[in-house]
Amino acid sequence: MPKMKTHSGAKKRFKLTASGKVKASQAGKQHFMRRRTKAQLRNQRGTTILGDEDAKRLVKIFLPNGTN
């Protein structure tokens, strides 16, 4: 059976923390900022940790080499 490859799009969008959680950038920050409130824009700064179920599926399918 051939090796599983890491999904190139997921490699650029997600990072694994040392404890195995998945870190991602906040969604909704690319365009249409003028219709959002200032509080929403402040809350979208930086990164966020994905939920457990989403992270488990993402690592299994798209980041198979990220698990130890």
N, C-alpha and C. Protein backbone atom coordinates (compact mmCIF):
# COMPACT_ATOMS: atom_id res chain seq x y z
N MET A 1 0.84 -1.17 0.00
CA MET A 1 0.00 0.00 0.00
C MET A 1 0.90 1.25 0.00
N PRO A 2 0.62 2.22 -0.85
CA PRO A 2 1.49 3.40 -0.91
C PRO A 2 1.33 4.29 0.32
N LYS A 3 2.31 5.15 0.48
CA LYS A 3 2.27 6.09 1.60
C LYS A 3 1.13 7.08 1.42
N MET A 4 0.55 7.53 2.52
CA MET A 4 -0.48 8.57 2.45
C MET A 4 0.21 9.92 2.36
N LYS A 5 -0.27 10.76 1.48
CA LYS A 5 0.32 12.08 1.33
C LYS A 5 -0.48 13.11 2.12
N THR A 6 0.23 14.11 2.60
CA THR A 6 -0.42 15.22 3.28
C THR A 6 -1.09 16.11 2.26
N HIS A 7 -2.31 16.54 2.55
CA HIS A 7 -3.06 17.42 1.64
C HIS A 7 -2.39 18.79 1.63
N SER A 8 -2.02 19.28 0.44
CA SER A 8 -1.25 20.52 0.35
C SER A 8 -2.03 21.72 0.85
N GLY A 9 -3.34 21.76 0.61
CA GLY A 9 -4.14 22.87 1.10
C GLY A 9 -4.23 22.88 2.62
N ALA A 10 -4.37 21.71 3.22
CA ALA A 10 -4.44 21.62 4.67
C ALA A 10 -3.10 21.96 5.31
N LYS A 11 -2.02 21.61 4.62
CA LYS A 11 -0.69 21.90 5.13
C LYS A 11 -0.47 23.40 5.28
N LYS A 12 -1.07 24.18 4.37
CA LYS A 12 -0.90 25.63 4.40
C LYS A 12 -1.86 26.31 5.38
N ARG A 13 -2.97 25.67 5.72
CA ARG A 13 -4.02 26.32 6.51
C ARG A 13 -4.04 25.93 7.98
N PHE A 14 -3.49 24.78 8.32
CA PHE A 14 -3.58 24.27 9.68
C PHE A 14 -2.21 23.91 10.22
N LYS A 15 -2.06 24.04 11.54
CA LYS A 15 -0.84 23.60 12.21
C LYS A 15 -1.25 22.75 13.41
N LEU A 16 -0.41 21.78 13.74
CA LEU A 16 -0.65 20.96 14.91
C LEU A 16 0.16 21.49 16.08
N THR A 17 -0.48 21.60 17.24
CA THR A 17 0.23 22.03 18.43
C THR A 17 0.96 20.84 19.03
N ALA A 18 1.77 21.09 20.04
CA ALA A 18 2.54 20.03 20.67
C ALA A 18 1.64 19.00 21.35
N SER A 19 0.48 19.44 21.83
CA SER A 19 -0.44 18.51 22.49
C SER A 19 -1.37 17.81 21.51
N GLY A 20 -1.24 18.10 20.20
CA GLY A 20 -2.02 17.41 19.19
C GLY A 20 -3.28 18.12 18.76
N LYS A 21 -3.51 19.32 19.26
CA LYS A 21 -4.68 20.09 18.83
C LYS A 21 -4.38 20.75 17.49
N VAL A 22 -5.43 21.14 16.78
CA VAL A 22 -5.27 21.75 15.47
C VAL A 22 -5.54 23.25 15.57
N LYS A 23 -4.55 24.04 15.14
CA LYS A 23 -4.64 25.49 15.19
C LYS A 23 -4.94 26.00 13.79
N ALA A 24 -5.90 26.93 13.67
CA ALA A 24 -6.30 27.46 12.37
C ALA A 24 -6.53 28.95 12.49
N SER A 25 -6.46 29.64 11.35
CA SER A 25 -6.74 31.07 11.38
C SER A 25 -8.25 31.28 11.44
N GLN A 26 -8.66 32.43 11.94
CA GLN A 26 -10.07 32.74 12.08
C GLN A 26 -10.73 32.88 10.71
N ALA A 27 -11.93 32.41 10.59
CA ALA A 27 -12.67 32.51 9.33
C ALA A 27 -13.33 33.87 9.21
N GLY A 28 -13.59 34.29 7.97
CA GLY A 28 -14.35 35.51 7.72
C GLY A 28 -13.52 36.77 7.78
N LYS A 29 -12.25 36.71 7.41
CA LYS A 29 -11.39 37.87 7.53
C LYS A 29 -10.81 38.28 6.18
N GLN A 30 -11.31 37.74 5.08
CA GLN A 30 -10.71 38.01 3.78
C GLN A 30 -11.32 39.22 3.07
N HIS A 31 -12.62 39.38 3.16
CA HIS A 31 -13.27 40.49 2.46
C HIS A 31 -14.59 40.81 3.14
N PHE A 32 -15.25 41.89 2.68
CA PHE A 32 -16.52 42.37 3.25
C PHE A 32 -16.37 42.79 4.71
N MET A 33 -15.25 43.44 5.05
CA MET A 33 -15.05 43.86 6.42
C MET A 33 -15.92 45.05 6.80
N ARG A 34 -16.34 45.83 5.82
CA ARG A 34 -17.06 47.06 6.16
C ARG A 34 -18.45 46.79 6.73
N ARG A 35 -19.02 45.63 6.46
CA ARG A 35 -20.35 45.34 7.01
C ARG A 35 -20.29 44.63 8.35
N ARG A 36 -19.10 44.36 8.86
CA ARG A 36 -18.97 43.72 10.17
C ARG A 36 -18.69 44.77 11.23
N THR A 37 -19.09 44.47 12.44
CA THR A 37 -18.85 45.42 13.52
C THR A 37 -17.38 45.37 13.92
N LYS A 38 -16.94 46.42 14.60
CA LYS A 38 -15.54 46.47 15.04
C LYS A 38 -15.24 45.36 16.03
N ALA A 39 -16.23 45.01 16.84
CA ALA A 39 -16.03 43.93 17.81
C ALA A 39 -15.82 42.60 17.10
N GLN A 40 -16.57 42.35 16.03
CA GLN A 40 -16.38 41.13 15.28
C GLN A 40 -14.98 41.06 14.69
N LEU A 41 -14.52 42.18 14.13
CA LEU A 41 -13.19 42.20 13.53
C LEU A 41 -12.10 41.99 14.58
N ARG A 42 -12.27 42.55 15.76
CA ARG A 42 -11.29 42.34 16.82
C ARG A 42 -11.25 40.87 17.23
N ASN A 43 -12.42 40.25 17.31
CA ASN A 43 -12.47 38.85 17.72
C ASN A 43 -11.94 37.90 16.67
N GLN A 44 -11.81 38.36 15.43
CA GLN A 44 -11.31 37.49 14.37
C GLN A 44 -9.80 37.59 14.19
N ARG A 45 -9.13 38.35 15.01
CA ARG A 45 -7.67 38.42 14.93
C ARG A 45 -7.04 37.12 15.41
N GLY A 46 -5.87 36.83 14.90
CA GLY A 46 -5.10 35.70 15.41
C GLY A 46 -5.63 34.35 14.94
N THR A 47 -5.46 33.36 15.79
CA THR A 47 -5.81 31.98 15.45
C THR A 47 -6.81 31.43 16.46
N THR A 48 -7.32 30.25 16.15
CA THR A 48 -8.26 29.57 17.03
C THR A 48 -7.93 28.08 17.03
N ILE A 49 -8.42 27.37 18.03
CA ILE A 49 -8.25 25.93 18.12
C ILE A 49 -9.54 25.27 17.62
N LEU A 50 -9.40 24.32 16.71
CA LEU A 50 -10.58 23.64 16.17
C LEU A 50 -11.19 22.72 17.23
N GLY A 51 -12.47 22.41 17.06
CA GLY A 51 -13.16 21.49 17.94
C GLY A 51 -12.60 20.08 17.78
N ASP A 52 -12.85 19.25 18.77
CA ASP A 52 -12.25 17.92 18.80
C ASP A 52 -12.65 17.06 17.61
N GLU A 53 -13.95 17.04 17.28
CA GLU A 53 -14.41 16.19 16.19
C GLU A 53 -13.86 16.66 14.84
N ASP A 54 -13.87 17.98 14.62
CA ASP A 54 -13.31 18.50 13.37
C ASP A 54 -11.83 18.20 13.28
N ALA A 55 -11.12 18.39 14.37
CA ALA A 55 -9.68 18.17 14.37
C ALA A 55 -9.35 16.70 14.12
N LYS A 56 -10.12 15.81 14.71
CA LYS A 56 -9.84 14.38 14.55
C LYS A 56 -10.01 13.96 13.09
N ARG A 57 -11.08 14.44 12.45
CA ARG A 57 -11.32 14.11 11.05
C ARG A 57 -10.26 14.74 10.14
N LEU A 58 -9.89 15.97 10.43
CA LEU A 58 -8.90 16.67 9.62
C LEU A 58 -7.54 15.97 9.67
N VAL A 59 -7.12 15.59 10.86
CA VAL A 59 -5.82 14.93 11.00
C VAL A 59 -5.83 13.57 10.33
N LYS A 60 -6.92 12.85 10.47
CA LYS A 60 -6.99 11.50 9.90
C LYS A 60 -6.96 11.53 8.37
N ILE A 61 -7.68 12.47 7.76
CA ILE A 61 -7.81 12.49 6.31
C ILE A 61 -6.71 13.31 5.64
N PHE A 62 -6.47 14.52 6.16
CA PHE A 62 -5.63 15.47 5.43
C PHE A 62 -4.20 15.58 5.96
N LEU A 63 -3.98 15.29 7.24
CA LEU A 63 -2.65 15.42 7.82
C LEU A 63 -2.20 14.10 8.44
N PRO A 64 -2.07 13.04 7.66
CA PRO A 64 -1.76 11.74 8.25
C PRO A 64 -0.35 11.67 8.84
N ASN A 65 0.57 12.51 8.37
CA ASN A 65 1.92 12.48 8.90
C ASN A 65 2.08 13.35 10.13
N GLY A 66 1.02 14.03 10.53
CA GLY A 66 1.10 14.90 11.69
C GLY A 66 0.91 14.17 13.01
N THR A 67 0.40 12.95 12.97
CA THR A 67 0.17 12.21 14.21
C THR A 67 1.42 11.46 14.60
N ASN A 68 1.63 11.35 15.91
CA ASN A 68 2.80 10.61 16.40
C ASN A 68 2.35 9.37 17.13
